[in-house]
Amino acid sequence: MAELYRVIGLMSGTSLDGIDAALIETDGESRVVAGPWLTKPYDRDLRDALRAVLGGKGATADVERRLTLAHAEAVQLLIARHELGAIDLLGFHGHTVLHLPQQGRTWQLGDAALLAQLTSIDVVGDFRSADVAAGGEGAPFVPLYHAALASGLERPLAVLNIGGVANVTWIGPDKKEGGEGELLAFDTGPGNALIDDWALATTGQSADYDGALAAQGKVDQALLQRFLAHPYFARRPPKSLDRDEFAAFMPAGLSPADGAATLTAMTAAAVARAAQHFPKPARRWLVTGGGRHNPTMMAMLAAALGAPVAPVEAVGWEGDALEAQAFAYLAIRSKKSLPLSVPGTTGVPAPVTGGRFFRRP
């Protein structure tokens, strides 16, 4: 049997809530054993500093160093809290501040060499650049991990991640069921980013916690229909988005509750529109990311999709750790020169490996 590696994956998502750190033991292929994980929330100063450099604006050197130091603290906290012992590798995604694949650009802030120095653990970083350089979208990058976890589950299956941007992995029948083990993955549209921005601007809260604000509001149907006319939804996948692609649809003149309801409906409607691109309808939807904690969002998804919708915990996965686990898995794939992306996940012409290795001092 292939050797199992002990790897910690690190993820700072577009929602700007903090750093997820998760341990897995894996061979980078079919074997995955999930271990402990934690979330280290950003303090307000670092969150505001990150928000200020989104889009590649402003001076980033100091923010990058602070971000990397926070990641090192998350690693050390996870190891100490769970007495983990030796770790073989870190998978360091960094924080995406700019993603414009059609211009050949993707930028994840984070100093992997510094992280290796601070933690005395080898690091794999810079996961997306090789895919973009080869003509891919550079996102989403979690689908191969979704497929590894989904072995044995009923298919076709859709795994929906609602972070700042929402993305979906459609997993077709595997070979033993007579199919080709197809994968199709792409960004569906906005996730929580616009809702979070709206909540901050109108209530001073960093998110619409539990969907309570949206639950009190009424959807602006005219704005929703204008949103759905955006040309992105007609583009064939694979395709990906920058966090602020739909910023022009931020409501104007609506109450805080009506704006939150409308933005939540936009996320759900974009997912339903995405399902029209699937080769076959998904029999089931599993939802990960922060959006699964929002009952209003989950209810809107169930109504829009007309199929069973459940959080990933329903099949024993840990949604709050899933993306961090994925970059641990991808770090080992990078070390073994295995593909990190394939044509069905990013539109890259052929399977591409990637990532850069940074040796500890």
Foldseek 3Di string as FASTA:
>chain_A
DAAWFWEWFWDQEPLQFFIKIWIWTDLLAQDIDTDDIDTDGDDPVLSVVLVCCAVNDDDCPVSLVVQLVRVLVRVVCVCVVVVPPDHAEYQYEAQWRDFDLVVLDTDHRYDQQVNLASNVHKYWYPFQNVLSVLPWRSDDQQQSVVLSVCVPPDDQEKEWEAAQWIKIWGFHDPVVVPDPRDIAMATLGGGFNLQQVLCCVQPVHRHCQLLPLQVPADAPVVLLVVLVPPCVLVDADRHYDRSCPPVVSQDDPDHSSRSNNHVLLSNLLSVLSNQVNDPDHTQEYEYAYPQLSHVSSQVSNCVSNVHHYYHPVVVPDDRVNSVSSSSRSLRSCLVVQHFSDACNGTNRPGGGRDTDIHRRD
